[in-house]
N, C-alpha and C. Protein backbone atom coordinates (compact mmCIF):
# COMPACT_ATOMS: atom_id res chain seq x y z
N UNK A 1 3.18 -68.09 14.61
CA UNK A 1 4.37 -68.75 14.24
C UNK A 1 3.92 -70.20 13.57
N UNK A 2 3.15 -70.93 14.41
CA UNK A 2 2.78 -72.18 14.11
C UNK A 2 1.95 -72.25 12.85
N UNK A 3 1.23 -71.38 12.48
CA UNK A 3 0.20 -71.26 11.40
C UNK A 3 1.12 -71.00 10.22
N UNK A 4 2.28 -70.16 10.22
CA UNK A 4 3.21 -69.89 9.13
C UNK A 4 4.09 -71.15 8.81
N UNK A 5 4.56 -71.96 9.95
CA UNK A 5 5.09 -73.04 9.68
C UNK A 5 4.29 -74.11 8.93
N UNK A 6 3.05 -74.17 9.51
CA UNK A 6 2.30 -75.27 8.93
C UNK A 6 1.83 -74.72 7.47
N UNK A 7 1.60 -73.55 7.03
CA UNK A 7 1.46 -73.02 5.82
C UNK A 7 2.63 -73.62 4.88
N UNK A 8 3.91 -73.23 5.21
CA UNK A 8 5.05 -73.59 4.67
C UNK A 8 5.34 -74.99 4.21
N UNK A 9 4.94 -75.72 5.35
CA UNK A 9 5.03 -77.22 5.20
C UNK A 9 3.99 -77.72 4.17
N UNK A 10 2.82 -77.23 4.23
CA UNK A 10 1.85 -77.64 3.32
C UNK A 10 2.17 -77.25 1.72
N UNK A 11 2.70 -76.09 1.60
CA UNK A 11 3.31 -75.56 0.21
C UNK A 11 4.31 -76.56 -0.11
N UNK A 12 5.39 -76.88 0.69
CA UNK A 12 6.38 -77.83 0.38
C UNK A 12 5.92 -79.25 -0.17
N UNK A 13 5.03 -79.72 0.54
CA UNK A 13 4.46 -80.88 0.48
C UNK A 13 3.73 -80.90 -0.83
N UNK A 14 2.91 -79.85 -1.22
CA UNK A 14 2.21 -79.85 -2.49
C UNK A 14 3.30 -79.71 -3.45
N UNK A 15 4.47 -78.99 -3.46
CA UNK A 15 5.39 -78.85 -4.33
C UNK A 15 5.96 -80.17 -4.66
N UNK A 16 6.33 -80.93 -3.63
CA UNK A 16 6.93 -82.24 -3.86
C UNK A 16 6.04 -83.14 -4.66
N UNK A 17 4.80 -83.25 -4.17
CA UNK A 17 3.85 -84.21 -4.94
C UNK A 17 3.81 -83.71 -6.33
N UNK A 18 3.75 -82.49 -6.74
CA UNK A 18 3.64 -81.94 -8.16
C UNK A 18 4.75 -82.38 -8.76
N UNK A 19 6.14 -82.02 -8.24
CA UNK A 19 7.22 -82.50 -9.05
C UNK A 19 7.33 -83.94 -9.26
N UNK A 20 6.93 -84.82 -8.21
CA UNK A 20 6.74 -86.26 -8.35
C UNK A 20 5.78 -86.74 -9.41
N UNK A 21 4.63 -86.01 -9.33
CA UNK A 21 3.68 -86.47 -10.60
C UNK A 21 4.14 -85.98 -12.07
N UNK A 22 4.86 -84.75 -12.15
CA UNK A 22 5.10 -84.25 -13.50
C UNK A 22 6.38 -84.69 -14.09
N UNK A 23 7.44 -84.80 -13.15
CA UNK A 23 8.70 -85.15 -13.75
C UNK A 23 8.97 -86.62 -13.18
N UNK A 24 8.64 -86.91 -12.11
CA UNK A 24 8.72 -88.34 -11.68
C UNK A 24 10.22 -88.37 -10.97
N UNK A 25 10.06 -89.61 -10.40
CA UNK A 25 11.36 -90.06 -9.64
C UNK A 25 11.97 -91.46 -10.23
N UNK A 26 11.26 -92.06 -11.09
CA UNK A 26 11.61 -93.21 -11.65
C UNK A 26 12.47 -92.96 -12.87
N UNK A 27 13.28 -93.86 -13.27
CA UNK A 27 14.20 -93.76 -14.58
C UNK A 27 13.18 -93.56 -15.70
N UNK A 28 13.51 -92.48 -16.49
CA UNK A 28 13.08 -92.43 -17.82
C UNK A 28 13.90 -92.96 -18.85
N UNK A 29 13.23 -92.99 -20.16
CA UNK A 29 13.92 -93.42 -21.28
C UNK A 29 15.42 -92.54 -21.30
N UNK A 30 15.42 -91.31 -21.21
CA UNK A 30 16.43 -90.43 -21.12
C UNK A 30 17.72 -91.10 -20.43
N UNK A 31 17.51 -91.67 -19.29
CA UNK A 31 18.40 -92.18 -18.41
C UNK A 31 19.01 -93.45 -18.97
N UNK A 32 17.93 -94.08 -19.78
CA UNK A 32 18.33 -95.41 -20.33
C UNK A 32 19.22 -95.15 -21.47
N UNK A 33 18.95 -93.96 -22.18
CA UNK A 33 19.76 -93.75 -23.48
C UNK A 33 21.10 -93.31 -23.00
N UNK A 34 21.29 -92.56 -21.70
CA UNK A 34 22.46 -92.11 -21.49
C UNK A 34 23.22 -93.53 -20.67
N UNK A 35 22.53 -94.50 -20.04
CA UNK A 35 23.18 -95.77 -19.86
C UNK A 35 23.74 -96.37 -20.97
N UNK A 36 22.98 -96.42 -22.16
CA UNK A 36 23.35 -97.26 -23.27
C UNK A 36 24.45 -96.53 -23.88
N UNK A 37 24.56 -95.27 -23.92
CA UNK A 37 25.89 -94.55 -24.37
C UNK A 37 27.08 -94.68 -23.57
N UNK A 38 27.04 -94.90 -22.28
CA UNK A 38 28.11 -95.28 -21.52
C UNK A 38 28.52 -96.65 -21.89
N UNK A 39 27.53 -97.68 -21.99
CA UNK A 39 28.11 -99.10 -22.36
C UNK A 39 28.76 -99.04 -23.75
N UNK A 40 28.32 -98.24 -24.68
CA UNK A 40 28.93 -98.24 -25.94
C UNK A 40 30.42 -97.54 -26.01
N UNK A 41 30.57 -96.62 -25.02
CA UNK A 41 31.83 -96.04 -24.81
C UNK A 41 32.88 -96.92 -24.22
N UNK A 42 32.36 -97.82 -23.52
CA UNK A 42 33.49 -98.76 -22.85
C UNK A 42 34.04 -99.88 -23.85
N UNK A 43 33.41 -100.01 -24.95
CA UNK A 43 33.95 -100.90 -26.04
C UNK A 43 35.25 -100.29 -26.64
N UNK A 44 36.21 -101.12 -27.28
CA UNK A 44 37.28 -100.63 -27.89
C UNK A 44 36.99 -99.83 -29.19
N UNK A 45 37.57 -98.76 -29.21
CA UNK A 45 37.11 -97.86 -30.60
C UNK A 45 37.92 -98.56 -31.73
N UNK A 46 37.49 -98.15 -32.80
CA UNK A 46 38.19 -98.60 -34.01
C UNK A 46 39.10 -97.51 -34.53
N UNK A 47 40.29 -97.86 -34.16
CA UNK A 47 41.62 -96.94 -34.53
C UNK A 47 42.61 -97.89 -34.60
N UNK A 48 43.68 -97.58 -35.22
CA UNK A 48 44.84 -98.41 -35.37
C UNK A 48 46.08 -98.16 -34.43
N UNK A 49 45.58 -97.29 -33.23
CA UNK A 49 46.35 -97.12 -32.21
C UNK A 49 46.24 -97.96 -31.06
N UNK A 50 47.76 -98.54 -30.82
CA UNK A 50 47.46 -99.71 -29.70
C UNK A 50 47.12 -98.96 -28.53
N UNK A 51 46.35 -99.73 -27.76
CA UNK A 51 45.76 -99.08 -26.51
C UNK A 51 45.80 -100.00 -25.47
N UNK A 52 45.55 -99.40 -24.18
CA UNK A 52 45.28 -100.41 -23.03
C UNK A 52 44.21 -99.61 -22.31
N UNK A 53 43.41 -100.44 -21.32
CA UNK A 53 42.35 -99.88 -20.44
C UNK A 53 42.91 -99.49 -19.18
N UNK A 54 42.69 -98.54 -18.54
CA UNK A 54 43.08 -98.33 -17.21
C UNK A 54 41.84 -97.58 -16.48
N UNK A 55 41.60 -97.70 -15.17
CA UNK A 55 40.69 -97.22 -14.27
C UNK A 55 41.44 -96.07 -13.59
N UNK A 56 40.91 -94.94 -13.69
CA UNK A 56 41.55 -93.63 -12.98
C UNK A 56 41.34 -93.80 -11.73
N UNK A 57 42.58 -93.57 -11.01
CA UNK A 57 42.64 -93.35 -9.40
C UNK A 57 42.70 -91.94 -9.18
N UNK A 58 42.43 -91.61 -7.84
CA UNK A 58 42.61 -90.22 -7.37
C UNK A 58 44.08 -89.68 -7.62
N UNK A 59 44.13 -88.45 -8.05
CA UNK A 59 45.62 -87.96 -8.18
C UNK A 59 46.26 -88.16 -9.66
N UNK A 60 45.69 -89.19 -10.49
CA UNK A 60 46.26 -89.46 -11.65
C UNK A 60 45.75 -88.72 -12.94
N UNK A 61 46.69 -88.42 -13.75
CA UNK A 61 46.29 -87.84 -14.98
C UNK A 61 46.65 -88.75 -16.33
N UNK A 62 46.28 -88.34 -17.28
CA UNK A 62 46.62 -89.05 -18.57
C UNK A 62 48.02 -89.41 -18.65
N UNK A 63 48.91 -88.46 -18.56
CA UNK A 63 50.33 -88.46 -18.62
C UNK A 63 50.87 -89.43 -17.44
N UNK A 64 50.36 -89.36 -16.26
CA UNK A 64 51.02 -90.22 -15.33
C UNK A 64 50.46 -91.75 -15.56
N UNK A 65 49.37 -91.92 -16.02
CA UNK A 65 48.87 -93.27 -16.18
C UNK A 65 49.73 -93.88 -17.42
N UNK A 66 49.93 -93.13 -18.56
CA UNK A 66 50.78 -93.65 -19.64
C UNK A 66 52.13 -94.01 -19.19
N UNK A 67 52.75 -92.86 -18.33
CA UNK A 67 54.09 -93.26 -17.87
C UNK A 67 54.19 -94.30 -16.98
N UNK A 68 53.16 -94.55 -16.10
CA UNK A 68 53.14 -95.70 -15.20
C UNK A 68 53.31 -96.97 -16.11
N UNK A 69 52.44 -96.95 -17.01
CA UNK A 69 52.37 -98.27 -17.86
C UNK A 69 53.71 -98.39 -18.52
N UNK A 70 54.50 -97.38 -19.04
CA UNK A 70 55.65 -97.56 -19.72
C UNK A 70 56.95 -97.68 -18.78
N UNK A 71 56.72 -97.36 -17.52
CA UNK A 71 57.83 -97.26 -16.59
C UNK A 71 58.87 -96.39 -17.09
N UNK A 72 58.68 -95.44 -17.78
CA UNK A 72 59.70 -94.28 -18.11
C UNK A 72 58.87 -93.10 -18.71
N UNK A 73 59.70 -92.08 -19.17
CA UNK A 73 58.91 -90.94 -19.64
C UNK A 73 58.39 -91.20 -21.01
N UNK A 74 57.52 -90.03 -21.44
CA UNK A 74 56.98 -90.35 -22.57
C UNK A 74 57.71 -90.36 -23.74
N UNK A 75 57.58 -91.26 -24.82
CA UNK A 75 58.36 -91.22 -26.10
C UNK A 75 57.83 -90.27 -27.11
N UNK A 76 56.56 -89.72 -26.73
CA UNK A 76 55.99 -88.70 -27.71
C UNK A 76 55.72 -87.41 -27.11
N UNK A 77 55.34 -86.38 -27.82
CA UNK A 77 54.97 -85.04 -27.29
C UNK A 77 53.67 -85.21 -26.55
N UNK A 78 53.50 -84.32 -25.66
CA UNK A 78 52.22 -84.30 -24.81
C UNK A 78 51.03 -83.86 -25.76
N UNK A 79 51.43 -83.14 -26.92
CA UNK A 79 50.22 -82.90 -27.90
C UNK A 79 49.82 -84.14 -28.55
N UNK A 80 50.72 -85.04 -28.92
CA UNK A 80 50.54 -86.28 -29.60
C UNK A 80 49.63 -87.19 -28.75
N UNK A 81 49.93 -87.31 -27.45
CA UNK A 81 49.23 -88.07 -26.28
C UNK A 81 47.78 -87.64 -26.41
N UNK A 82 47.59 -86.27 -26.20
CA UNK A 82 46.22 -85.71 -26.05
C UNK A 82 45.44 -86.17 -27.35
N UNK A 83 46.04 -86.02 -28.59
CA UNK A 83 45.37 -86.51 -29.62
C UNK A 83 44.89 -87.81 -29.76
N UNK A 84 45.90 -88.88 -29.32
CA UNK A 84 45.53 -90.21 -29.52
C UNK A 84 44.76 -90.38 -28.48
N UNK A 85 44.70 -89.90 -27.27
CA UNK A 85 43.85 -90.19 -26.09
C UNK A 85 42.25 -89.82 -26.75
N UNK A 86 42.19 -88.67 -27.42
CA UNK A 86 40.95 -88.11 -28.04
C UNK A 86 40.39 -89.14 -29.03
N UNK A 87 41.24 -89.53 -29.92
CA UNK A 87 40.84 -90.67 -30.86
C UNK A 87 40.22 -91.91 -30.29
N UNK A 88 40.90 -92.38 -29.23
CA UNK A 88 40.63 -93.58 -28.42
C UNK A 88 39.23 -93.45 -27.63
N UNK A 89 39.06 -92.12 -27.16
CA UNK A 89 37.80 -92.01 -26.28
C UNK A 89 37.20 -90.83 -26.89
N UNK A 90 36.37 -90.98 -27.98
CA UNK A 90 35.54 -90.02 -28.61
C UNK A 90 34.61 -89.29 -27.73
N UNK A 91 34.58 -87.91 -27.70
CA UNK A 91 33.77 -87.23 -26.85
C UNK A 91 34.22 -87.04 -25.47
N UNK A 92 35.40 -87.52 -25.04
CA UNK A 92 35.99 -87.45 -23.97
C UNK A 92 37.13 -86.22 -24.01
N UNK A 93 37.48 -85.55 -22.85
CA UNK A 93 38.48 -84.60 -22.81
C UNK A 93 39.56 -85.05 -21.79
N UNK A 94 40.83 -85.00 -22.27
CA UNK A 94 41.92 -85.59 -21.28
C UNK A 94 41.92 -84.97 -19.93
N UNK A 95 41.56 -83.71 -20.19
CA UNK A 95 41.51 -82.58 -18.92
C UNK A 95 40.45 -83.05 -17.99
N UNK A 96 39.43 -83.69 -18.27
CA UNK A 96 38.26 -83.88 -17.69
C UNK A 96 38.05 -85.31 -17.03
N UNK A 97 39.08 -86.07 -17.18
CA UNK A 97 38.84 -87.64 -16.86
C UNK A 97 38.15 -87.65 -15.49
N UNK A 98 37.24 -88.83 -15.15
CA UNK A 98 36.61 -88.89 -13.86
C UNK A 98 37.26 -89.97 -13.00
N UNK A 99 37.54 -89.87 -11.84
CA UNK A 99 38.07 -90.75 -10.86
C UNK A 99 37.09 -92.06 -10.90
N UNK A 100 37.56 -93.16 -11.09
CA UNK A 100 36.86 -94.28 -11.03
C UNK A 100 36.38 -94.76 -12.40
N UNK A 101 36.41 -94.04 -13.28
CA UNK A 101 35.98 -94.36 -14.73
C UNK A 101 37.14 -95.00 -15.28
N UNK A 102 36.71 -96.06 -16.48
CA UNK A 102 37.77 -96.54 -17.22
C UNK A 102 37.89 -95.96 -18.67
N UNK A 103 38.96 -95.61 -19.06
CA UNK A 103 39.28 -95.10 -20.32
C UNK A 103 40.29 -95.93 -21.14
N UNK A 104 40.54 -95.59 -22.52
CA UNK A 104 41.51 -96.31 -23.17
C UNK A 104 42.54 -95.40 -23.28
N UNK A 105 43.79 -95.81 -23.08
CA UNK A 105 44.98 -94.96 -23.21
C UNK A 105 45.90 -95.49 -24.25
N UNK A 106 46.65 -94.71 -24.91
CA UNK A 106 47.51 -95.17 -25.85
C UNK A 106 48.94 -95.91 -25.32
N UNK A 107 49.03 -96.97 -25.97
CA UNK A 107 50.18 -97.79 -25.57
C UNK A 107 51.42 -97.55 -26.46
N UNK A 108 52.38 -96.90 -25.96
CA UNK A 108 53.68 -96.45 -26.59
C UNK A 108 54.65 -97.49 -26.39
N UNK A 109 54.43 -98.74 -25.76
CA UNK A 109 55.55 -99.50 -25.50
C UNK A 109 56.09 -100.48 -26.44
N UNK A 110 55.17 -100.31 -27.71
CA UNK A 110 55.54 -101.02 -28.94
C UNK A 110 56.33 -100.10 -29.95
């Protein structure tokens, strides 16, 4: 049993060394490109829609964040809200907003 355990441990160590040397554990240029993309997404998009930035907290949705900002119900349809959110946040889906991330939301108070 000890020989089997020793053999499996040796195989695991060789595998980890192989992955470390081929793929690596240090950031590559791909992760730097992703970081740059995230930084460019945080800038205000070029739209004529008035907007505000908000950080998503647990349990919040796009609708609840906009309604909280307005302190009343939505003055537009949900479909219009979704379209405006997508225009303000290209490549982002309102159904898949991430907790802790900051997004641009349409400001219907004006």
